[in-house]
Amino acid sequence: VRETGEEIGIAIDAAEARFAHLVHHYT
């Protein structure tokens, strides 16, 4: 929610966010 507002200036509701994918990576 915080990063969305900071990066693209829109408001999202955390309750509307659906988990989509997890990448466990080494970079």
PDB file of all heavy atoms in Angstrom:
ATOM      1  N   VAL A   1       0.842  -1.205   0.000  1.00  0.00           N
ATOM      2  CA  VAL A   1       0.000   0.000   0.000  1.00  0.00           C
ATOM      3  C   VAL A   1       0.874   1.250   0.000  1.00  0.00           C
ATOM      4  O   VAL A   1       0.656   2.177  -0.795  1.00  0.00           O
ATOM      5  CB  VAL A   1      -0.965  -0.011   1.201  1.00  0.00           C
ATOM      6  CG1 VAL A   1      -1.680   1.325   1.346  1.00  0.00           C
ATOM      7  CG2 VAL A   1      -1.979  -1.149   1.063  1.00  0.00           C
ATOM      8  N   ARG A   2       1.886   1.287   0.870  1.00  0.00           N
ATOM      9  CA  ARG A   2       2.762   2.457   0.959  1.00  0.00           C
ATOM     10  C   ARG A   2       3.536   2.685  -0.336  1.00  0.00           C
ATOM     11  O   ARG A   2       3.550   3.795  -0.882  1.00  0.00           O
ATOM     12  CB  ARG A   2       3.746   2.282   2.131  1.00  0.00           C
ATOM     13  CG  ARG A   2       4.748   3.427   2.251  1.00  0.00           C
ATOM     14  CD  ARG A   2       5.752   3.202   3.377  1.00  0.00           C
ATOM     15  NE  ARG A   2       6.469   1.941   3.307  1.00  0.00           N
ATOM     16  CZ  ARG A   2       7.486   1.677   2.471  1.00  0.00           C
ATOM     17  NH1 ARG A   2       7.897   2.600   1.598  1.00  0.00           N
ATOM     18  NH2 ARG A   2       8.102   0.508   2.489  1.00  0.00           N
ATOM     19  N   GLU A   3       4.180   1.623  -0.846  1.00  0.00           N
ATOM     20  CA  GLU A   3       4.996   1.761  -2.056  1.00  0.00           C
ATOM     21  C   GLU A   3       4.151   2.141  -3.274  1.00  0.00           C
ATOM     22  O   GLU A   3       4.606   2.892  -4.135  1.00  0.00           O
ATOM     23  CB  GLU A   3       5.780   0.479  -2.327  1.00  0.00           C
ATOM     24  CG  GLU A   3       6.942   0.254  -1.393  1.00  0.00           C
ATOM     25  CD  GLU A   3       8.139   1.145  -1.683  1.00  0.00           C
ATOM     26  OE1 GLU A   3       8.174   1.829  -2.724  1.00  0.00           O
ATOM     27  OE2 GLU A   3       9.065   1.151  -0.853  1.00  0.00           O
ATOM     28  N   THR A   4       2.937   1.621  -3.357  1.00  0.00           N
ATOM     29  CA  THR A   4       2.061   1.968  -4.478  1.00  0.00           C
ATOM     30  C   THR A   4       1.782   3.464  -4.494  1.00  0.00           C
ATOM     31  O   THR A   4       1.868   4.106  -5.543  1.00  0.00           O
ATOM     32  CB  THR A   4       0.754   1.156  -4.405  1.00  0.00           C
ATOM     33  OG1 THR A   4       1.067  -0.235  -4.525  1.00  0.00           O
ATOM     34  CG2 THR A   4      -0.216   1.555  -5.498  1.00  0.00           C
ATOM     35  N   GLY A   5       1.463   4.017  -3.334  1.00  0.00           N
ATOM     36  CA  GLY A   5       1.237   5.456  -3.257  1.00  0.00           C
ATOM     37  C   GLY A   5       2.479   6.246  -3.589  1.00  0.00           C
ATOM     38  O   GLY A   5       2.428   7.243  -4.323  1.00  0.00           O
ATOM     39  N   GLU A   6       3.633   5.795  -3.076  1.00  0.00           N
ATOM     40  CA  GLU A   6       4.885   6.510  -3.313  1.00  0.00           C
ATOM     41  C   GLU A   6       5.342   6.438  -4.762  1.00  0.00           C
ATOM     42  O   GLU A   6       5.829   7.432  -5.304  1.00  0.00           O
ATOM     43  CB  GLU A   6       5.986   5.932  -2.425  1.00  0.00           C
ATOM     44  CG  GLU A   6       5.838   6.251  -0.956  1.00  0.00           C
ATOM     45  CD  GLU A   6       6.871   5.562  -0.067  1.00  0.00           C
ATOM     46  OE1 GLU A   6       7.804   4.917  -0.596  1.00  0.00           O
ATOM     47  OE2 GLU A   6       6.743   5.686   1.154  1.00  0.00           O
ATOM     48  N   GLU A   7       5.185   5.276  -5.401  1.00  0.00           N
ATOM     49  CA  GLU A   7       5.734   5.091  -6.751  1.00  0.00           C
ATOM     50  C   GLU A   7       4.804   5.505  -7.878  1.00  0.00           C
ATOM     51  O   GLU A   7       5.273   5.986  -8.901  1.00  0.00           O
ATOM     52  CB  GLU A   7       6.150   3.631  -6.952  1.00  0.00           C
ATOM     53  CG  GLU A   7       7.391   3.272  -6.196  1.00  0.00           C
ATOM     54  CD  GLU A   7       8.079   2.047  -6.740  1.00  0.00           C
ATOM     55  OE1 GLU A   7       7.681   1.527  -7.796  1.00  0.00           O
ATOM     56  OE2 GLU A   7       9.034   1.613  -6.095  1.00  0.00           O
ATOM     57  N   ILE A   8       3.502   5.257  -7.716  1.00  0.00           N
ATOM     58  CA  ILE A   8       2.609   5.554  -8.846  1.00  0.00           C
ATOM     59  C   ILE A   8       1.409   6.426  -8.460  1.00  0.00           C
ATOM     60  O   ILE A   8       0.544   6.671  -9.285  1.00  0.00           O
ATOM     61  CB  ILE A   8       2.147   4.266  -9.572  1.00  0.00           C
ATOM     62  CG1 ILE A   8       1.393   3.326  -8.656  1.00  0.00           C
ATOM     63  CG2 ILE A   8       3.335   3.581 -10.225  1.00  0.00           C
ATOM     64  CD1 ILE A   8       0.799   2.115  -9.370  1.00  0.00           C
ATOM     65  N   GLY A   9       1.362   6.880  -7.208  1.00  0.00           N
ATOM     66  CA  GLY A   9       0.381   7.875  -6.808  1.00  0.00           C
ATOM     67  C   GLY A   9      -1.067   7.427  -6.774  1.00  0.00           C
ATOM     68  O   GLY A   9      -1.960   8.266  -6.847  1.00  0.00           O
ATOM     69  N   ILE A  10      -1.317   6.137  -6.667  1.00  0.00           N
ATOM     70  CA  ILE A  10      -2.694   5.671  -6.545  1.00  0.00           C
ATOM     71  C   ILE A  10      -2.894   5.073  -5.160  1.00  0.00           C
ATOM     72  O   ILE A  10      -1.937   4.733  -4.462  1.00  0.00           O
ATOM     73  CB  ILE A  10      -3.085   4.635  -7.625  1.00  0.00           C
ATOM     74  CG1 ILE A  10      -2.273   3.345  -7.469  1.00  0.00           C
ATOM     75  CG2 ILE A  10      -2.939   5.236  -9.015  1.00  0.00           C
ATOM     76  CD1 ILE A  10      -2.762   2.205  -8.342  1.00  0.00           C
ATOM     77  N   ALA A  11      -4.150   4.941  -4.765  1.00  0.00           N
ATOM     78  CA  ALA A  11      -4.492   4.334  -3.478  1.00  0.00           C
ATOM     79  C   ALA A  11      -5.096   2.960  -3.717  1.00  0.00           C
ATOM     80  O   ALA A  11      -5.979   2.809  -4.564  1.00  0.00           O
ATOM     81  CB  ALA A  11      -5.477   5.223  -2.725  1.00  0.00           C
ATOM     82  N   ILE A  12      -4.580   1.986  -2.991  1.00  0.00           N
ATOM     83  CA  ILE A  12      -5.160   0.651  -3.039  1.00  0.00           C
ATOM     84  C   ILE A  12      -5.553   0.247  -1.629  1.00  0.00           C
ATOM     85  O   ILE A  12      -4.991   0.733  -0.645  1.00  0.00           O
ATOM     86  CB  ILE A  12      -4.194  -0.393  -3.652  1.00  0.00           C
ATOM     87  CG1 ILE A  12      -2.907  -0.526  -2.830  1.00  0.00           C
ATOM     88  CG2 ILE A  12      -3.880  -0.061  -5.100  1.00  0.00           C
ATOM     89  CD1 ILE A  12      -2.014  -1.679  -3.253  1.00  0.00           C
ATOM     90  N   ASP A  13      -6.521  -0.641  -1.550  1.00  0.00           N
ATOM     91  CA  ASP A  13      -6.974  -1.195  -0.286  1.00  0.00           C
ATOM     92  C   ASP A  13      -6.298  -2.550  -0.122  1.00  0.00           C
ATOM     93  O   ASP A  13      -6.402  -3.407  -1.008  1.00  0.00           O
ATOM     94  CB  ASP A  13      -8.497  -1.338  -0.337  1.00  0.00           C
ATOM     95  CG  ASP A  13      -9.098  -1.890   0.941  1.00  0.00           C
ATOM     96  OD1 ASP A  13      -8.356  -2.391   1.815  1.00  0.00           O
ATOM     97  OD2 ASP A  13     -10.332  -1.837   1.058  1.00  0.00           O
ATOM     98  N   ALA A  14      -5.610  -2.763   0.999  1.00  0.00           N
ATOM     99  CA  ALA A  14      -4.916  -4.032   1.233  1.00  0.00           C
ATOM    100  C   ALA A  14      -5.873  -5.216   1.129  1.00  0.00           C
ATOM    101  O   ALA A  14      -5.477  -6.299   0.693  1.00  0.00           O
ATOM    102  CB  ALA A  14      -4.233  -4.015   2.599  1.00  0.00           C
ATOM    103  N   ALA A  15      -7.125  -5.012   1.487  1.00  0.00           N
ATOM    104  CA  ALA A  15      -8.110  -6.098   1.413  1.00  0.00           C
ATOM    105  C   ALA A  15      -8.407  -6.497  -0.030  1.00  0.00           C
ATOM    106  O   ALA A  15      -8.919  -7.591  -0.283  1.00  0.00           O
ATOM    107  CB  ALA A  15      -9.401  -5.688   2.122  1.00  0.00           C
ATOM    108  N   GLU A  16      -8.083  -5.630  -0.990  1.00  0.00           N
ATOM    109  CA  GLU A  16      -8.316  -5.907  -2.413  1.00  0.00           C
ATOM    110  C   GLU A  16      -7.124  -6.604  -3.069  1.00  0.00           C
ATOM    111  O   GLU A  16      -7.205  -7.029  -4.214  1.00  0.00           O
ATOM    112  CB  GLU A  16      -8.605  -4.607  -3.165  1.00  0.00           C
ATOM    113  CG  GLU A  16      -9.874  -3.910  -2.754  1.00  0.00           C
ATOM    114  CD  GLU A  16     -11.103  -4.601  -3.293  1.00  0.00           C
ATOM    115  OE1 GLU A  16     -11.059  -5.191  -4.386  1.00  0.00           O
ATOM    116  OE2 GLU A  16     -12.141  -4.543  -2.602  1.00  0.00           O
ATOM    117  N   ALA A  17      -5.992  -6.678  -2.370  1.00  0.00           N
ATOM    118  CA  ALA A  17      -4.778  -7.280  -2.932  1.00  0.00           C
ATOM    119  C   ALA A  17      -4.868  -8.799  -2.810  1.00  0.00           C
ATOM    120  O   ALA A  17      -5.153  -9.329  -1.741  1.00  0.00           O
ATOM    121  CB  ALA A  17      -3.546  -6.765  -2.204  1.00  0.00           C
ATOM    122  N   ARG A  18      -4.617  -9.472  -3.915  1.00  0.00           N
ATOM    123  CA  ARG A  18      -4.650 -10.945  -3.937  1.00  0.00           C
ATOM    124  C   ARG A  18      -3.230 -11.457  -4.147  1.00  0.00           C
ATOM    125  O   ARG A  18      -2.537 -11.037  -5.084  1.00  0.00           O
ATOM    126  CB  ARG A  18      -5.549 -11.418  -5.087  1.00  0.00           C
ATOM    127  CG  ARG A  18      -5.715 -12.938  -5.146  1.00  0.00           C
ATOM    128  CD  ARG A  18      -6.532 -13.363  -6.348  1.00  0.00           C
ATOM    129  NE  ARG A  18      -5.840 -13.191  -7.610  1.00  0.00           N
ATOM    130  CZ  ARG A  18      -4.946 -14.040  -8.119  1.00  0.00           C
ATOM    131  NH1 ARG A  18      -4.612 -15.117  -7.486  1.00  0.00           N
ATOM    132  NH2 ARG A  18      -4.386 -13.789  -9.294  1.00  0.00           N
ATOM    133  N   PHE A  19      -2.793 -12.365  -3.256  1.00  0.00           N
ATOM    134  CA  PHE A  19      -1.483 -12.965  -3.431  1.00  0.00           C
ATOM    135  C   PHE A  19      -1.434 -13.630  -4.801  1.00  0.00           C
ATOM    136  O   PHE A  19      -2.338 -14.359  -5.176  1.00  0.00           O
ATOM    137  CB  PHE A  19      -1.202 -13.999  -2.333  1.00  0.00           C
ATOM    138  CG  PHE A  19       0.034 -14.801  -2.588  1.00  0.00           C
ATOM    139  CD1 PHE A  19       1.287 -14.252  -2.385  1.00  0.00           C
ATOM    140  CD2 PHE A  19      -0.055 -16.083  -3.076  1.00  0.00           C
ATOM    141  CE1 PHE A  19       2.439 -14.981  -2.646  1.00  0.00           C
ATOM    142  CE2 PHE A  19       1.087 -16.836  -3.337  1.00  0.00           C
ATOM    143  CZ  PHE A  19       2.333 -16.271  -3.121  1.00  0.00           C
ATOM    144  N   ALA A  20      -0.343 -13.397  -5.560  1.00  0.00           N
ATOM    145  CA  ALA A  20      -0.260 -13.907  -6.919  1.00  0.00           C
ATOM    146  C   ALA A  20       0.924 -14.850  -7.127  1.00  0.00           C
ATOM    147  O   ALA A  20       0.792 -15.850  -7.832  1.00  0.00           O
ATOM    148  CB  ALA A  20      -0.175 -12.740  -7.908  1.00  0.00           C
ATOM    149  N   HIS A  21       2.080 -14.521  -6.549  1.00  0.00           N
ATOM    150  CA  HIS A  21       3.257 -15.359  -6.780  1.00  0.00           C
ATOM    151  C   HIS A  21       4.356 -14.985  -5.782  1.00  0.00           C
ATOM    152  O   HIS A  21       4.447 -13.834  -5.357  1.00  0.00           O
ATOM    153  CB  HIS A  21       3.792 -15.167  -8.203  1.00  0.00           C
ATOM    154  CG  HIS A  21       4.829 -16.165  -8.573  1.00  0.00           C
ATOM    155  ND1 HIS A  21       4.532 -17.465  -8.917  1.00  0.00           N
ATOM    156  CD2 HIS A  21       6.182 -16.080  -8.624  1.00  0.00           C
ATOM    157  CE1 HIS A  21       5.639 -18.129  -9.174  1.00  0.00           C
ATOM    158  NE2 HIS A  21       6.665 -17.307  -9.002  1.00  0.00           N
ATOM    159  N   LEU A  22       5.198 -15.976  -5.461  1.00  0.00           N
ATOM    160  CA  LEU A  22       6.371 -15.752  -4.624  1.00  0.00           C
ATOM    161  C   LEU A  22       7.585 -16.318  -5.339  1.00  0.00           C
ATOM    162  O   LEU A  22       7.579 -17.483  -5.751  1.00  0.00           O
ATOM    163  CB  LEU A  22       6.215 -16.448  -3.271  1.00  0.00           C
ATOM    164  CG  LEU A  22       7.440 -16.350  -2.364  1.00  0.00           C
ATOM    165  CD1 LEU A  22       7.508 -14.972  -1.708  1.00  0.00           C
ATOM    166  CD2 LEU A  22       7.397 -17.428  -1.299  1.00  0.00           C
ATOM    167  N   VAL A  23       8.612 -15.483  -5.501  1.00  0.00           N
ATOM    168  CA  VAL A  23       9.887 -15.944  -6.044  1.00  0.00           C
ATOM    169  C   VAL A  23      10.907 -15.888  -4.905  1.00  0.00           C
ATOM    170  O   VAL A  23      11.175 -14.808  -4.360  1.00  0.00           O
ATOM    171  CB  VAL A  23      10.403 -15.067  -7.211  1.00  0.00           C
ATOM    172  CG1 VAL A  23      11.747 -15.589  -7.719  1.00  0.00           C
ATOM    173  CG2 VAL A  23       9.409 -14.996  -8.331  1.00  0.00           C
ATOM    174  N   HIS A  24      11.436 -17.038  -4.545  1.00  0.00           N
ATOM    175  CA  HIS A  24      12.541 -17.081  -3.582  1.00  0.00           C
ATOM    176  C   HIS A  24      13.806 -17.099  -4.423  1.00  0.00           C
ATOM    177  O   HIS A  24      14.094 -18.091  -5.082  1.00  0.00           O
ATOM    178  CB  HIS A  24      12.433 -18.330  -2.708  1.00  0.00           C
ATOM    179  CG  HIS A  24      13.401 -18.341  -1.567  1.00  0.00           C
ATOM    180  ND1 HIS A  24      13.769 -19.494  -0.949  1.00  0.00           N
ATOM    181  CD2 HIS A  24      14.072 -17.345  -0.937  1.00  0.00           C
ATOM    182  CE1 HIS A  24      14.620 -19.217   0.024  1.00  0.00           C
ATOM    183  NE2 HIS A  24      14.823 -17.917   0.044  1.00  0.00           N
ATOM    184  N   HIS A  25      14.511 -15.975  -4.438  1.00  0.00           N
ATOM    185  CA  HIS A  25      15.648 -15.879  -5.348  1.00  0.00           C
ATOM    186  C   HIS A  25      16.884 -15.361  -4.650  1.00  0.00           C
ATOM    187  O   HIS A  25      16.832 -14.814  -3.553  1.00  0.00           O
ATOM    188  CB  HIS A  25      15.296 -15.039  -6.582  1.00  0.00           C
ATOM    189  CG  HIS A  25      15.030 -13.599  -6.321  1.00  0.00           C
ATOM    190  ND1 HIS A  25      15.853 -12.603  -6.766  1.00  0.00           N
ATOM    191  CD2 HIS A  25      14.010 -12.974  -5.694  1.00  0.00           C
ATOM    192  CE1 HIS A  25      15.358 -11.425  -6.422  1.00  0.00           C
ATOM    193  NE2 HIS A  25      14.255 -11.617  -5.762  1.00  0.00           N
ATOM    194  N   TYR A  26      17.993 -15.598  -5.323  1.00  0.00           N
ATOM    195  CA  TYR A  26      19.279 -15.120  -4.840  1.00  0.00           C
ATOM    196  C   TYR A  26      19.823 -14.158  -5.881  1.00  0.00           C
ATOM    197  O   TYR A  26      20.185 -14.555  -6.987  1.00  0.00           O
ATOM    198  CB  TYR A  26      20.253 -16.285  -4.623  1.00  0.00           C
ATOM    199  CG  TYR A  26      21.429 -15.875  -3.781  1.00  0.00           C
ATOM    200  CD1 TYR A  26      21.390 -16.028  -2.402  1.00  0.00           C
ATOM    201  CD2 TYR A  26      22.561 -15.316  -4.353  1.00  0.00           C
ATOM    202  CE1 TYR A  26      22.456 -15.643  -1.617  1.00  0.00           C
ATOM    203  CE2 TYR A  26      23.630 -14.919  -3.574  1.00  0.00           C
ATOM    204  CZ  TYR A  26      23.581 -15.086  -2.202  1.00  0.00           C
ATOM    205  OH  TYR A  26      24.637 -14.689  -1.421  1.00  0.00           O
ATOM    206  N   THR A  27      19.835 -12.873  -5.520  1.00  0.00           N
ATOM    207  CA  THR A  27      20.390 -11.829  -6.359  1.00  0.00           C
ATOM    208  C   THR A  27      21.283 -10.998  -5.456  1.00  0.00           C
ATOM    209  O   THR A  27      20.815 -10.080  -4.802  1.00  0.00           O
ATOM    210  CB  THR A  27      19.271 -10.944  -6.966  1.00  0.00           C
ATOM    211  OG1 THR A  27      18.318 -11.763  -7.587  1.00  0.00           O
ATOM    212  CG2 THR A  27      19.819  -9.943  -7.952  1.00  0.00           C
TER     213      THR A  27
END
